[in-house]
Amino acid sequence: MEKINIYYKPEVVGYINDLIFKLYENEYFGFLESAIDYKNNLIDFIENNIATFPKKFIPLSNASLGSYYMFYSSNKRTTWYIFFEKENNNFLVTFISNNHSVISKNM
């Protein structure tokens, strides 16, 4: 398999790092380490699947988020949407949201 490169927009990195603290502060997790594990599982999914997961084209209403998206169900209540651009074996994650956000309601 050819080598793939995955990059993240700075806003995505900031969002993911903030997510750890929001999950912990809002008591979704009792331990900070559990929130970190949750974030790591999301990143691992992206890193291991972005090249092979059946990607979907983004609806026109959300076209500013990227050209493609894939999804990751982290539990029964939460599905994460990973928006990205692809050129050859290079991927740029442009936005991440979950089904609880207004943006993802159009997916």
N, C-alpha and C. Protein backbone atom coordinates (compact mmCIF):
# COMPACT_ATOMS: atom_id res chain seq x y z
N MET A 1 0.84 -1.19 0.00
CA MET A 1 0.00 0.00 0.00
C MET A 1 0.88 1.24 0.00
N GLU A 2 0.47 2.21 -0.78
CA GLU A 2 1.23 3.44 -0.85
C GLU A 2 1.11 4.23 0.45
N LYS A 3 2.15 4.99 0.74
CA LYS A 3 2.15 5.82 1.94
C LYS A 3 1.13 6.94 1.78
N ILE A 4 0.38 7.17 2.83
CA ILE A 4 -0.55 8.30 2.82
C ILE A 4 -0.08 9.35 3.82
N ASN A 5 -0.44 10.57 3.55
CA ASN A 5 -0.11 11.68 4.44
C ASN A 5 -1.42 12.30 4.91
N ILE A 6 -1.53 12.48 6.22
CA ILE A 6 -2.72 13.08 6.79
C ILE A 6 -2.31 14.36 7.51
N TYR A 7 -2.99 15.44 7.15
CA TYR A 7 -2.73 16.74 7.75
C TYR A 7 -4.04 17.24 8.37
N TYR A 8 -3.91 18.13 9.33
CA TYR A 8 -5.07 18.69 10.01
C TYR A 8 -4.96 20.21 9.97
N LYS A 9 -6.06 20.87 9.63
CA LYS A 9 -6.07 22.32 9.72
C LYS A 9 -5.85 22.70 11.18
N PRO A 10 -5.19 23.82 11.43
CA PRO A 10 -4.95 24.25 12.83
C PRO A 10 -6.23 24.35 13.66
N GLU A 11 -7.33 24.76 13.03
CA GLU A 11 -8.60 24.87 13.76
C GLU A 11 -9.08 23.50 14.24
N VAL A 12 -8.81 22.47 13.45
CA VAL A 12 -9.20 21.10 13.82
C VAL A 12 -8.37 20.63 15.01
N VAL A 13 -7.08 20.90 14.97
CA VAL A 13 -6.21 20.52 16.08
C VAL A 13 -6.67 21.22 17.36
N GLY A 14 -6.97 22.50 17.26
CA GLY A 14 -7.45 23.24 18.43
C GLY A 14 -8.76 22.69 18.95
N TYR A 15 -9.67 22.36 18.05
CA TYR A 15 -10.97 21.81 18.44
C TYR A 15 -10.78 20.48 19.18
N ILE A 16 -9.94 19.62 18.65
CA ILE A 16 -9.71 18.31 19.26
C ILE A 16 -9.07 18.46 20.64
N ASN A 17 -8.12 19.35 20.77
CA ASN A 17 -7.49 19.57 22.07
C ASN A 17 -8.49 20.16 23.07
N ASP A 18 -9.32 21.09 22.63
CA ASP A 18 -10.34 21.67 23.50
C ASP A 18 -11.38 20.63 23.90
N LEU A 19 -11.65 19.71 23.00
CA LEU A 19 -12.64 18.67 23.25
C LEU A 19 -12.31 17.87 24.51
N ILE A 20 -11.05 17.57 24.70
CA ILE A 20 -10.62 16.80 25.87
C ILE A 20 -11.09 17.48 27.15
N PHE A 21 -10.82 18.77 27.26
CA PHE A 21 -11.16 19.50 28.48
C PHE A 21 -12.66 19.72 28.62
N LYS A 22 -13.37 19.95 27.51
CA LYS A 22 -14.82 20.13 27.58
C LYS A 22 -15.50 18.85 28.05
N LEU A 23 -15.06 17.72 27.53
CA LEU A 23 -15.65 16.45 27.95
C LEU A 23 -15.42 16.19 29.44
N TYR A 24 -14.24 16.53 29.89
CA TYR A 24 -13.93 16.33 31.31
C TYR A 24 -14.66 17.34 32.20
N GLU A 25 -14.61 18.61 31.82
CA GLU A 25 -15.25 19.66 32.63
C GLU A 25 -16.77 19.49 32.70
N ASN A 26 -17.37 19.00 31.62
CA ASN A 26 -18.82 18.80 31.61
C ASN A 26 -19.21 17.42 32.15
N GLU A 27 -18.24 16.74 32.71
CA GLU A 27 -18.44 15.47 33.41
C GLU A 27 -18.98 14.34 32.52
N TYR A 28 -18.60 14.38 31.22
CA TYR A 28 -18.89 13.22 30.38
C TYR A 28 -17.96 12.08 30.76
N PHE A 29 -16.79 12.43 31.30
CA PHE A 29 -15.82 11.47 31.79
C PHE A 29 -15.38 11.89 33.18
N GLY A 30 -15.22 10.90 34.05
CA GLY A 30 -14.82 11.19 35.43
C GLY A 30 -13.34 11.42 35.58
N PHE A 31 -12.56 10.99 34.60
CA PHE A 31 -11.12 11.14 34.66
C PHE A 31 -10.63 11.80 33.37
N LEU A 32 -9.66 12.68 33.51
CA LEU A 32 -9.08 13.34 32.35
C LEU A 32 -8.50 12.32 31.38
N GLU A 33 -7.91 11.26 31.90
CA GLU A 33 -7.33 10.21 31.06
C GLU A 33 -8.39 9.56 30.16
N SER A 34 -9.61 9.42 30.66
CA SER A 34 -10.69 8.83 29.86
C SER A 34 -11.05 9.75 28.69
N ALA A 35 -11.06 11.05 28.92
CA ALA A 35 -11.32 12.02 27.84
C ALA A 35 -10.20 11.98 26.81
N ILE A 36 -8.98 11.82 27.27
CA ILE A 36 -7.83 11.70 26.35
C ILE A 36 -7.95 10.43 25.52
N ASP A 37 -8.34 9.33 26.15
CA ASP A 37 -8.54 8.06 25.42
C ASP A 37 -9.62 8.21 24.35
N TYR A 38 -10.69 8.90 24.69
CA TYR A 38 -11.78 9.14 23.75
C TYR A 38 -11.26 9.90 22.53
N LYS A 39 -10.49 10.95 22.77
CA LYS A 39 -9.88 11.73 21.68
C LYS A 39 -8.94 10.87 20.87
N ASN A 40 -8.13 10.05 21.55
CA ASN A 40 -7.18 9.18 20.84
C ASN A 40 -7.90 8.17 19.95
N ASN A 41 -9.04 7.65 20.41
CA ASN A 41 -9.81 6.72 19.59
C ASN A 41 -10.32 7.40 18.32
N LEU A 42 -10.74 8.65 18.44
CA LEU A 42 -11.19 9.41 17.28
C LEU A 42 -10.05 9.61 16.29
N ILE A 43 -8.90 10.02 16.78
CA ILE A 43 -7.73 10.23 15.91
C ILE A 43 -7.28 8.92 15.29
N ASP A 44 -7.24 7.85 16.08
CA ASP A 44 -6.85 6.54 15.55
C ASP A 44 -7.78 6.11 14.42
N PHE A 45 -9.07 6.35 14.60
CA PHE A 45 -10.02 6.00 13.54
C PHE A 45 -9.68 6.76 12.26
N ILE A 46 -9.45 8.05 12.39
CA ILE A 46 -9.11 8.87 11.22
C ILE A 46 -7.85 8.34 10.56
N GLU A 47 -6.80 8.17 11.33
CA GLU A 47 -5.49 7.77 10.80
C GLU A 47 -5.56 6.39 10.12
N ASN A 48 -6.36 5.49 10.68
CA ASN A 48 -6.42 4.11 10.16
C ASN A 48 -7.44 3.91 9.05
N ASN A 49 -8.35 4.86 8.86
CA ASN A 49 -9.45 4.62 7.92
C ASN A 49 -9.66 5.65 6.84
N ILE A 50 -9.03 6.80 6.93
CA ILE A 50 -9.34 7.87 5.98
C ILE A 50 -9.08 7.46 4.52
N ALA A 51 -8.10 6.62 4.29
CA ALA A 51 -7.77 6.23 2.92
C ALA A 51 -8.69 5.13 2.39
N THR A 52 -9.33 4.38 3.27
CA THR A 52 -10.11 3.22 2.81
C THR A 52 -11.60 3.28 3.14
N PHE A 53 -11.98 4.09 4.11
CA PHE A 53 -13.38 4.18 4.51
C PHE A 53 -14.19 4.73 3.34
N PRO A 54 -15.38 4.19 3.09
CA PRO A 54 -16.18 4.73 1.97
C PRO A 54 -16.54 6.19 2.22
N LYS A 55 -15.87 7.07 1.52
CA LYS A 55 -16.11 8.50 1.71
C LYS A 55 -17.35 8.91 0.96
N LYS A 56 -17.95 9.97 1.43
CA LYS A 56 -19.15 10.49 0.80
C LYS A 56 -18.90 11.94 0.40
N PHE A 57 -19.57 12.35 -0.66
CA PHE A 57 -19.50 13.75 -1.04
C PHE A 57 -20.36 14.57 -0.09
N ILE A 58 -19.88 15.76 0.21
CA ILE A 58 -20.60 16.64 1.13
C ILE A 58 -21.78 17.29 0.42
N PRO A 59 -22.94 17.36 1.08
CA PRO A 59 -24.07 18.10 0.48
C PRO A 59 -23.69 19.56 0.24
N LEU A 60 -24.27 20.14 -0.78
CA LEU A 60 -23.95 21.52 -1.14
C LEU A 60 -24.12 22.49 0.02
N SER A 61 -25.06 22.22 0.90
CA SER A 61 -25.29 23.14 2.03
C SER A 61 -24.09 23.20 2.98
N ASN A 62 -23.23 22.19 2.95
CA ASN A 62 -22.04 22.17 3.81
C ASN A 62 -20.74 22.12 3.01
N ALA A 63 -20.79 22.51 1.75
CA ALA A 63 -19.63 22.40 0.86
C ALA A 63 -18.42 23.19 1.34
N SER A 64 -18.62 24.20 2.15
CA SER A 64 -17.49 24.99 2.64
C SER A 64 -16.63 24.22 3.64
N LEU A 65 -17.13 23.08 4.12
CA LEU A 65 -16.39 22.30 5.13
C LEU A 65 -15.36 21.38 4.50
N GLY A 66 -15.48 21.08 3.23
CA GLY A 66 -14.57 20.17 2.55
C GLY A 66 -15.31 19.48 1.43
N SER A 67 -14.62 18.63 0.70
CA SER A 67 -15.24 17.92 -0.43
C SER A 67 -15.83 16.58 -0.04
N TYR A 68 -15.27 15.95 0.97
CA TYR A 68 -15.70 14.62 1.38
C TYR A 68 -15.91 14.58 2.89
N TYR A 69 -16.62 13.53 3.31
CA TYR A 69 -16.72 13.27 4.74
C TYR A 69 -16.83 11.78 4.98
N MET A 70 -16.48 11.39 6.17
CA MET A 70 -16.71 10.03 6.65
C MET A 70 -17.21 10.15 8.07
N PHE A 71 -17.68 9.07 8.64
CA PHE A 71 -18.22 9.17 9.98
C PHE A 71 -17.69 8.07 10.88
N TYR A 72 -17.70 8.36 12.16
CA TYR A 72 -17.22 7.45 13.20
C TYR A 72 -18.22 7.47 14.35
N SER A 73 -18.78 6.33 14.66
CA SER A 73 -19.72 6.23 15.79
C SER A 73 -18.92 5.85 17.03
N SER A 74 -18.79 6.81 17.92
CA SER A 74 -18.00 6.57 19.13
C SER A 74 -18.80 5.86 20.21
N ASN A 75 -20.12 6.01 20.17
CA ASN A 75 -21.01 5.31 21.09
C ASN A 75 -22.42 5.36 20.52
N LYS A 76 -23.41 4.89 21.28
CA LYS A 76 -24.79 4.82 20.79
C LYS A 76 -25.38 6.19 20.49
N ARG A 77 -24.89 7.22 21.17
CA ARG A 77 -25.48 8.55 21.03
C ARG A 77 -24.69 9.51 20.16
N THR A 78 -23.42 9.22 19.91
CA THR A 78 -22.57 10.21 19.23
C THR A 78 -21.91 9.63 17.98
N THR A 79 -22.13 10.32 16.88
CA THR A 79 -21.45 10.02 15.62
C THR A 79 -20.64 11.24 15.24
N TRP A 80 -19.38 11.03 14.94
CA TRP A 80 -18.49 12.10 14.53
C TRP A 80 -18.42 12.15 13.01
N TYR A 81 -18.46 13.35 12.47
CA TYR A 81 -18.31 13.57 11.03
C TYR A 81 -16.95 14.21 10.80
N ILE A 82 -16.16 13.57 9.96
CA ILE A 82 -14.81 14.05 9.65
C ILE A 82 -14.83 14.55 8.21
N PHE A 83 -14.63 15.83 8.02
CA PHE A 83 -14.65 16.46 6.70
C PHE A 83 -13.21 16.60 6.22
N PHE A 84 -13.00 16.35 4.92
CA PHE A 84 -11.63 16.40 4.44
C PHE A 84 -11.55 16.65 2.94
N GLU A 85 -10.34 16.98 2.53
CA GLU A 85 -9.98 17.10 1.13
C GLU A 85 -9.00 15.98 0.82
N LYS A 86 -8.97 15.55 -0.42
CA LYS A 86 -8.06 14.48 -0.82
C LYS A 86 -7.44 14.82 -2.16
N GLU A 87 -6.13 14.65 -2.23
CA GLU A 87 -5.42 14.77 -3.49
C GLU A 87 -4.36 13.68 -3.51
N ASN A 88 -4.51 12.75 -4.43
CA ASN A 88 -3.64 11.57 -4.49
C ASN A 88 -3.67 10.87 -3.12
N ASN A 89 -2.54 10.72 -2.48
CA ASN A 89 -2.47 10.08 -1.17
C ASN A 89 -2.32 11.09 -0.04
N ASN A 90 -2.70 12.32 -0.28
CA ASN A 90 -2.64 13.37 0.73
C ASN A 90 -4.05 13.73 1.16
N PHE A 91 -4.25 13.75 2.46
CA PHE A 91 -5.55 14.06 3.04
C PHE A 91 -5.40 15.26 3.97
N LEU A 92 -6.34 16.18 3.89
CA LEU A 92 -6.37 17.33 4.78
C LEU A 92 -7.71 17.31 5.50
N VAL A 93 -7.67 17.08 6.82
CA VAL A 93 -8.88 17.12 7.63
C VAL A 93 -9.20 18.60 7.85
N THR A 94 -10.37 19.00 7.36
CA THR A 94 -10.72 20.41 7.35
C THR A 94 -11.70 20.81 8.45
N PHE A 95 -12.45 19.82 8.97
CA PHE A 95 -13.45 20.13 9.98
C PHE A 95 -13.91 18.84 10.64
N ILE A 96 -14.24 18.92 11.91
CA ILE A 96 -14.80 17.78 12.64
C ILE A 96 -16.00 18.28 13.42
N SER A 97 -17.07 17.50 13.38
CA SER A 97 -18.28 17.84 14.11
C SER A 97 -18.96 16.54 14.52
N ASN A 98 -19.97 16.65 15.38
CA ASN A 98 -20.72 15.45 15.71
C ASN A 98 -22.21 15.68 15.49
N ASN A 99 -22.98 14.62 15.66
CA ASN A 99 -24.41 14.68 15.36
C ASN A 99 -25.19 15.59 16.29
N HIS A 100 -24.56 16.08 17.36
CA HIS A 100 -25.22 16.99 18.27
C HIS A 100 -25.14 18.45 17.80
N SER A 101 -24.37 18.72 16.76
CA SER A 101 -24.21 20.09 16.28
C SER A 101 -25.20 20.40 15.16
N VAL A 102 -25.47 21.67 14.97
CA VAL A 102 -26.40 22.12 13.94
C VAL A 102 -25.86 21.77 12.54
N ILE A 103 -24.57 21.90 12.34
CA ILE A 103 -23.96 21.64 11.04
C ILE A 103 -24.23 20.21 10.58
N SER A 104 -24.11 19.27 11.48
CA SER A 104 -24.26 17.86 11.12
C SER A 104 -25.70 17.43 10.88
N LYS A 105 -26.64 18.24 11.25
CA LYS A 105 -28.05 17.88 11.03
C LYS A 105 -28.37 17.77 9.54
N ASN A 106 -27.56 18.41 8.68
CA ASN A 106 -27.79 18.37 7.23
C ASN A 106 -27.08 17.22 6.54
N MET A 107 -26.43 16.37 7.27
CA MET A 107 -25.65 15.31 6.66
C MET A 107 -26.50 14.11 6.29
